[in-house]
C-alpha atoms as a PDB file:
ATOM      1  CA  MET A   1     104.783  78.053  96.912  1.00  0.00           C
ATOM      2  CA  ASP A   2     101.063  77.324  96.961  1.00  0.00           C
ATOM      3  CA  ARG A   3     101.240  75.995  93.416  1.00  0.00           C
ATOM      4  CA  LEU A   4     104.048  73.667  94.479  1.00  0.00           C
ATOM      5  CA  LEU A   5     101.946  72.277  97.332  1.00  0.00           C
ATOM      6  CA  TRP A   6      98.952  71.904  95.010  1.00  0.00           C
ATOM      7  CA  LYS A   7     101.004  70.022  92.451  1.00  0.00           C
ATOM      8  CA  TYR A   8     102.877  67.873  95.008  1.00  0.00           C
ATOM      9  CA  PRO A   9     100.575  67.203  98.003  1.00  0.00           C
ATOM     10  CA  GLU A  10     103.239  65.069  99.694  1.00  0.00           C
ATOM     11  CA  ALA A  11     105.254  68.285 100.178  1.00  0.00           C
ATOM     12  CA  LYS A  12     102.815  69.224 102.979  1.00  0.00           C
ATOM     13  CA  VAL A  13     105.184  67.392 105.317  1.00  0.00           C
ATOM     14  CA  LEU A  14     107.622  70.272 104.802  1.00  0.00           C
ATOM     15  CA  MET A  15     105.012  72.999 105.429  1.00  0.00           C
ATOM     16  CA  PHE A  16     106.681  74.482 108.516  1.00  0.00           C
ATOM     17  CA  SER A  17     110.305  73.860 107.597  1.00  0.00           C
ATOM     18  CA  PRO A  18     112.878  76.673 107.365  1.00  0.00           C
ATOM     19  CA  ALA A  19     113.161  76.042 103.609  1.00  0.00           C
ATOM     20  CA  VAL A  20     109.453  76.738 103.088  1.00  0.00           C
ATOM     21  CA  ASP A  21     109.664  79.832 105.314  1.00  0.00           C
ATOM     22  CA  THR A  22     112.524  81.074 103.138  1.00  0.00           C
ATOM     23  CA  LEU A  23     110.566  80.411  99.932  1.00  0.00           C
ATOM     24  CA  ARG A  24     107.555  82.313 101.288  1.00  0.00           C
ATOM     25  CA  TRP A  25     109.809  85.245 102.294  1.00  0.00           C
ATOM     26  CA  VAL A  26     111.418  85.346  98.833  1.00  0.00           C
ATOM     27  CA  GLN A  27     107.998  85.103  97.188  1.00  0.00           C
ATOM     28  CA  ALA A  28     106.774  88.105  99.208  1.00  0.00           C
ATOM     29  CA  ALA A  29     109.981  90.135  98.800  1.00  0.00           C
ATOM     30  CA  PHE A  30     110.313  89.665  95.046  1.00  0.00           C
ATOM     31  CA  PRO A  31     106.851  89.378  93.468  1.00  0.00           C
ATOM     32  CA  VAL A  32     106.808  87.972  89.968  1.00  0.00           C
ATOM     33  CA  VAL A  33     105.727  90.506  87.367  1.00  0.00           C
ATOM     34  CA  LYS A  34     103.240  88.832  85.081  1.00  0.00           C
ATOM     35  CA  SER A  35     102.548  89.961  81.560  1.00  0.00           C
ATOM     36  CA  ALA A  36      99.338  91.847  80.857  1.00  0.00           C
ATOM     37  CA  GLY A  37      98.163  89.089  78.543  1.00  0.00           C
ATOM     38  CA  VAL A  38      96.794  89.811  75.085  1.00  0.00           C
ATOM     39  CA  THR A  39      97.239  93.411  73.944  1.00  0.00           C
ATOM     40  CA  ASP A  40      95.399  94.933  71.014  1.00  0.00           C
ATOM     41  CA  SER A  41      98.075  96.676  68.943  1.00  0.00           C
ATOM     42  CA  HIS A  42      95.463  98.640  66.949  1.00  0.00           C
ATOM     43  CA  PRO A  43      92.583  99.508  69.317  1.00  0.00           C
ATOM     44  CA  LEU A  44      89.491 101.291  68.018  1.00  0.00           C
ATOM     45  CA  MET A  45      89.482 104.997  68.865  1.00  0.00           C
ATOM     46  CA  ARG A  46      85.751 105.415  68.269  1.00  0.00           C
ATOM     47  CA  MET A  47      82.763 103.144  67.801  1.00  0.00           C
ATOM     48  CA  PRO A  48      82.198 101.986  64.193  1.00  0.00           C
ATOM     49  CA  ALA A  49      79.347 103.852  62.415  1.00  0.00           C
ATOM     50  CA  GLU A  50      77.258 100.696  61.990  1.00  0.00           C
ATOM     51  CA  LEU A  51      77.290 100.135  65.766  1.00  0.00           C
ATOM     52  CA  GLN A  52      76.448 103.705  66.810  1.00  0.00           C
ATOM     53  CA  PRO A  53      72.885 104.363  67.963  1.00  0.00           C
ATOM     54  CA  GLU A  54      70.819 106.610  65.704  1.00  0.00           C
ATOM     55  CA  ASN A  55      70.472 110.226  66.827  1.00  0.00           C
ATOM     56  CA  ARG A  56      66.834 111.322  67.070  1.00  0.00           C
END
């Protein structure tokens, strides 16, 4: 809903309408699950030898 108002400022006229109240209720009741973004399919399990500090 906030994105809609940001994109279309003239929609502020409808701010307190029943339609906007319904959209806010739906937005709160059914949150959108967003993807985690970029996932490394082969993560490093230990630090590479050339990056490890020397043991003294």
